[in-house]
Amino acid sequence: MKSLMLKISVLLLFLPSCTETIQAQFPTPDASFDQYWNQGKAEISSYQLEQARYGEIHKGTAVLIFVSEPFSTSEFVKADYPGMDNVQVLKLNATKQFTTGIYPYSMMTSSFFPLDGSTNSLKISCSSQEWCGHTYMEMTRKK
């Protein structure tokens, strides 16, 4: 189970920087996967972070939060209500917080990977906040 999660998270974290199309083959989730991920609970892991920035390594924290949830393919957000366009996704929220001198950085990447056997994320969004301002980037897969 953790091996599959690691593979998916690595792919989703680095997908925005890829320049070639990736054709990954992910197994269709089985009953044990469904039983584990459809409990309405999240899985959280925290790590000590060493982040390169401005030519130096800075210490901080990284947190990975996985949760299965319904996703609206018309609104491209978490579905609040049952709908015909909803698909079940495994969402990863990956956060990083570190300080460069007195500059605090906060970064977050959210990935929404469909559990229907598809090979690409439906949405990946990234944001960064620091003293000079903030940035946001979103990539969606639409027909």
C-alpha atoms as a PDB file:
ATOM      1  CA  MET A   1       0.000   0.000   0.000  1.00  0.00           C
ATOM      2  CA  LYS A   2       2.696   2.505   0.997  1.00  0.00           C
ATOM      3  CA  SER A   3       4.733   1.570  -2.095  1.00  0.00           C
ATOM      4  CA  LEU A   4       1.824   2.521  -4.360  1.00  0.00           C
ATOM      5  CA  MET A   5       1.295   5.777  -2.453  1.00  0.00           C
ATOM      6  CA  LEU A   6       4.991   6.648  -2.748  1.00  0.00           C
ATOM      7  CA  LYS A   7       4.959   6.010  -6.505  1.00  0.00           C
ATOM      8  CA  ILE A   8       1.861   8.130  -7.021  1.00  0.00           C
ATOM      9  CA  SER A   9       3.130  10.964  -4.816  1.00  0.00           C
ATOM     10  CA  VAL A  10       6.515  11.097  -6.552  1.00  0.00           C
ATOM     11  CA  LEU A  11       4.839  11.195  -9.963  1.00  0.00           C
ATOM     12  CA  LEU A  12       2.396  13.890  -8.892  1.00  0.00           C
ATOM     13  CA  LEU A  13       5.005  16.067  -7.229  1.00  0.00           C
ATOM     14  CA  PHE A  14       7.307  16.097 -10.251  1.00  0.00           C
ATOM     15  CA  LEU A  15       4.732  16.026 -13.046  1.00  0.00           C
ATOM     16  CA  PRO A  16       4.587  19.832 -13.469  1.00  0.00           C
ATOM     17  CA  SER A  17       8.326  19.922 -14.279  1.00  0.00           C
ATOM     18  CA  CYS A  18       8.231  17.140 -16.891  1.00  0.00           C
ATOM     19  CA  THR A  19       8.633  18.144 -20.532  1.00  0.00           C
ATOM     20  CA  GLU A  20       7.620  14.811 -22.079  1.00  0.00           C
ATOM     21  CA  THR A  21       4.351  12.932 -21.906  1.00  0.00           C
ATOM     22  CA  ILE A  22       4.463  10.200 -19.265  1.00  0.00           C
ATOM     23  CA  GLN A  23       2.457   7.049 -19.844  1.00  0.00           C
ATOM     24  CA  ALA A  24       2.344   5.401 -16.433  1.00  0.00           C
ATOM     25  CA  GLN A  25       0.462   2.201 -15.765  1.00  0.00           C
ATOM     26  CA  PHE A  26      -1.222   2.255 -12.376  1.00  0.00           C
ATOM     27  CA  PRO A  27      -3.155  -0.749 -11.134  1.00  0.00           C
ATOM     28  CA  THR A  28      -6.885  -0.374 -10.684  1.00  0.00           C
ATOM     29  CA  PRO A  29      -7.572  -0.148  -6.941  1.00  0.00           C
ATOM     30  CA  ASP A  30      -8.719  -3.425  -5.412  1.00  0.00           C
ATOM     31  CA  ALA A  31     -11.055  -4.120  -2.484  1.00  0.00           C
ATOM     32  CA  SER A  32      -8.348  -3.675   0.186  1.00  0.00           C
ATOM     33  CA  PHE A  33      -7.418  -0.283  -1.296  1.00  0.00           C
ATOM     34  CA  ASP A  34     -11.072   0.785  -1.296  1.00  0.00           C
ATOM     35  CA  GLN A  35     -11.574  -0.474   2.243  1.00  0.00           C
ATOM     36  CA  TYR A  36      -8.556   1.498   3.504  1.00  0.00           C
ATOM     37  CA  TRP A  37      -9.078   4.756   1.593  1.00  0.00           C
ATOM     38  CA  ASN A  38     -12.870   5.040   1.718  1.00  0.00           C
ATOM     39  CA  GLN A  39     -13.125   5.308   5.508  1.00  0.00           C
ATOM     40  CA  GLY A  40     -13.355   9.105   5.412  1.00  0.00           C
ATOM     41  CA  LYS A  41      -9.966   9.420   7.117  1.00  0.00           C
ATOM     42  CA  ALA A  42      -6.681  10.966   5.986  1.00  0.00           C
ATOM     43  CA  GLU A  43      -3.119   9.698   6.184  1.00  0.00           C
ATOM     44  CA  ILE A  44      -0.526  12.240   7.326  1.00  0.00           C
ATOM     45  CA  SER A  45       3.270  12.044   7.379  1.00  0.00           C
ATOM     46  CA  SER A  46       5.677  14.746   8.517  1.00  0.00           C
ATOM     47  CA  TYR A  47       9.368  15.069   7.699  1.00  0.00           C
ATOM     48  CA  GLN A  48      12.367  17.186   8.565  1.00  0.00           C
ATOM     49  CA  LEU A  49      13.074  19.220   5.441  1.00  0.00           C
ATOM     50  CA  GLU A  50      16.365  20.397   3.985  1.00  0.00           C
ATOM     51  CA  GLN A  51      15.491  22.856   1.213  1.00  0.00           C
ATOM     52  CA  ALA A  52      17.984  24.446  -1.181  1.00  0.00           C
ATOM     53  CA  ARG A  53      17.337  28.157  -1.721  1.00  0.00           C
ATOM     54  CA  TYR A  54      19.698  31.036  -2.572  1.00  0.00           C
ATOM     55  CA  GLY A  55      22.648  28.618  -2.810  1.00  0.00           C
ATOM     56  CA  GLU A  56      22.227  27.317   0.744  1.00  0.00           C
ATOM     57  CA  ILE A  57      20.414  24.499   2.518  1.00  0.00           C
ATOM     58  CA  HIS A  58      17.671  25.605   4.909  1.00  0.00           C
ATOM     59  CA  LYS A  59      15.956  23.438   7.504  1.00  0.00           C
ATOM     60  CA  GLY A  60      12.204  23.209   7.752  1.00  0.00           C
ATOM     61  CA  THR A  61       9.267  20.804   7.779  1.00  0.00           C
ATOM     62  CA  ALA A  62       7.398  18.934   5.052  1.00  0.00           C
ATOM     63  CA  VAL A  63       3.987  17.342   5.515  1.00  0.00           C
ATOM     64  CA  LEU A  64       2.181  14.942   3.162  1.00  0.00           C
ATOM     65  CA  ILE A  65      -1.567  14.500   3.599  1.00  0.00           C
ATOM     66  CA  PHE A  66      -3.391  11.838   1.555  1.00  0.00           C
ATOM     67  CA  VAL A  67      -7.179  11.540   1.489  1.00  0.00           C
ATOM     68  CA  SER A  68      -9.739   9.990  -0.828  1.00  0.00           C
ATOM     69  CA  GLU A  69     -12.620  12.284  -1.751  1.00  0.00           C
ATOM     70  CA  PRO A  70     -15.192  13.020  -4.465  1.00  0.00           C
ATOM     71  CA  PHE A  71     -14.028  15.524  -7.091  1.00  0.00           C
ATOM     72  CA  SER A  72     -16.252  17.553  -9.413  1.00  0.00           C
ATOM     73  CA  THR A  73     -14.994  17.405 -13.006  1.00  0.00           C
ATOM     74  CA  SER A  74     -17.177  20.393 -13.958  1.00  0.00           C
ATOM     75  CA  GLU A  75     -16.002  22.698 -11.134  1.00  0.00           C
ATOM     76  CA  PHE A  76     -12.507  21.148 -10.652  1.00  0.00           C
ATOM     77  CA  VAL A  77     -12.789  21.246  -6.861  1.00  0.00           C
ATOM     78  CA  LYS A  78     -13.810  18.875  -4.082  1.00  0.00           C
ATOM     79  CA  ALA A  79     -17.439  17.914  -4.642  1.00  0.00           C
ATOM     80  CA  ASP A  80     -19.673  19.152  -1.833  1.00  0.00           C
ATOM     81  CA  TYR A  81     -22.720  17.230  -3.061  1.00  0.00           C
ATOM     82  CA  PRO A  82     -23.302  14.005  -5.013  1.00  0.00           C
ATOM     83  CA  GLY A  83     -23.321  14.652  -8.748  1.00  0.00           C
ATOM     84  CA  MET A  84     -23.134  12.946 -12.099  1.00  0.00           C
ATOM     85  CA  ASP A  85     -19.758  14.534 -12.840  1.00  0.00           C
ATOM     86  CA  ASN A  86     -18.089  13.414  -9.585  1.00  0.00           C
ATOM     87  CA  VAL A  87     -15.157  11.011  -9.622  1.00  0.00           C
ATOM     88  CA  GLN A  88     -13.310   9.560  -6.646  1.00  0.00           C
ATOM     89  CA  VAL A  89      -9.742  10.861  -6.348  1.00  0.00           C
ATOM     90  CA  LEU A  90      -6.773  10.347  -4.099  1.00  0.00           C
ATOM     91  CA  LYS A  91      -5.752  13.871  -3.087  1.00  0.00           C
ATOM     92  CA  LEU A  92      -2.249  14.709  -1.939  1.00  0.00           C
ATOM     93  CA  ASN A  93      -1.571  17.990  -0.147  1.00  0.00           C
ATOM     94  CA  ALA A  94       2.206  18.372   0.126  1.00  0.00           C
ATOM     95  CA  THR A  95       3.414  21.296   2.225  1.00  0.00           C
ATOM     96  CA  LYS A  96       6.875  22.725   2.860  1.00  0.00           C
ATOM     97  CA  GLN A  97       7.753  25.418   5.391  1.00  0.00           C
ATOM     98  CA  PHE A  98      11.260  26.777   5.871  1.00  0.00           C
ATOM     99  CA  THR A  99      13.063  30.032   6.606  1.00  0.00           C
ATOM    100  CA  THR A 100      15.896  31.655   4.647  1.00  0.00           C
ATOM    101  CA  GLY A 101      17.484  34.016   7.151  1.00  0.00           C
ATOM    102  CA  ILE A 102      14.409  35.977   8.269  1.00  0.00           C
ATOM    103  CA  TYR A 103      12.307  35.111   5.186  1.00  0.00           C
ATOM    104  CA  PRO A 104       9.636  32.512   6.010  1.00  0.00           C
ATOM    105  CA  TYR A 105       8.488  30.386   3.053  1.00  0.00           C
ATOM    106  CA  SER A 106       5.297  28.352   2.860  1.00  0.00           C
ATOM    107  CA  MET A 107       4.659  26.154  -0.190  1.00  0.00           C
ATOM    108  CA  MET A 108       1.849  23.767  -1.014  1.00  0.00           C
ATOM    109  CA  THR A 109       1.147  21.409  -3.910  1.00  0.00           C
ATOM    110  CA  SER A 110      -2.234  19.696  -4.241  1.00  0.00           C
ATOM    111  CA  SER A 111      -2.694  16.777  -6.638  1.00  0.00           C
ATOM    112  CA  PHE A 112      -5.982  15.100  -7.517  1.00  0.00           C
ATOM    113  CA  PHE A 113      -5.401  11.619  -8.970  1.00  0.00           C
ATOM    114  CA  PRO A 114      -8.508   9.745 -10.211  1.00  0.00           C
ATOM    115  CA  LEU A 115      -9.073   6.230  -8.881  1.00  0.00           C
ATOM    116  CA  ASP A 116     -10.813   4.997 -12.023  1.00  0.00           C
ATOM    117  CA  GLY A 117      -7.673   3.584 -13.665  1.00  0.00           C
ATOM    118  CA  SER A 118      -6.724   6.818 -15.477  1.00  0.00           C
ATOM    119  CA  THR A 119      -3.046   7.560 -15.896  1.00  0.00           C
ATOM    120  CA  ASN A 120      -2.996  11.340 -15.368  1.00  0.00           C
ATOM    121  CA  SER A 121      -3.986  13.715 -12.597  1.00  0.00           C
ATOM    122  CA  LEU A 122      -7.159  15.733 -13.050  1.00  0.00           C
ATOM    123  CA  LYS A 123      -5.654  18.778 -11.353  1.00  0.00           C
ATOM    124  CA  ILE A 124      -2.366  19.881  -9.824  1.00  0.00           C
ATOM    125  CA  SER A 125      -2.112  23.245  -8.098  1.00  0.00           C
ATOM    126  CA  CYS A 126       0.856  24.894  -6.425  1.00  0.00           C
ATOM    127  CA  SER A 127       1.162  27.993  -4.261  1.00  0.00           C
ATOM    128  CA  SER A 128       4.034  29.742  -2.553  1.00  0.00           C
ATOM    129  CA  GLN A 129       3.952  32.537  -0.007  1.00  0.00           C
ATOM    130  CA  GLU A 130       6.912  34.565   1.188  1.00  0.00           C
ATOM    131  CA  TRP A 131       7.794  38.155   2.002  1.00  0.00           C
ATOM    132  CA  CYS A 132       8.164  39.265  -1.612  1.00  0.00           C
ATOM    133  CA  GLY A 133       4.660  38.070  -2.454  1.00  0.00           C
ATOM    134  CA  HIS A 134       2.802  34.954  -3.452  1.00  0.00           C
ATOM    135  CA  THR A 135       2.445  32.791  -6.547  1.00  0.00           C
ATOM    136  CA  TYR A 136      -0.171  30.317  -7.734  1.00  0.00           C
ATOM    137  CA  MET A 137      -0.115  27.857 -10.599  1.00  0.00           C
ATOM    138  CA  GLU A 138      -2.810  25.382 -11.652  1.00  0.00           C
ATOM    139  CA  MET A 139      -2.813  22.656 -14.261  1.00  0.00           C
ATOM    140  CA  THR A 140      -6.074  20.885 -15.125  1.00  0.00           C
ATOM    141  CA  ARG A 141      -6.893  18.005 -17.425  1.00  0.00           C
ATOM    142  CA  LYS A 142      -9.979  18.844 -19.415  1.00  0.00           C
ATOM    143  CA  LYS A 143     -11.502  17.205 -22.480  1.00  0.00           C
END
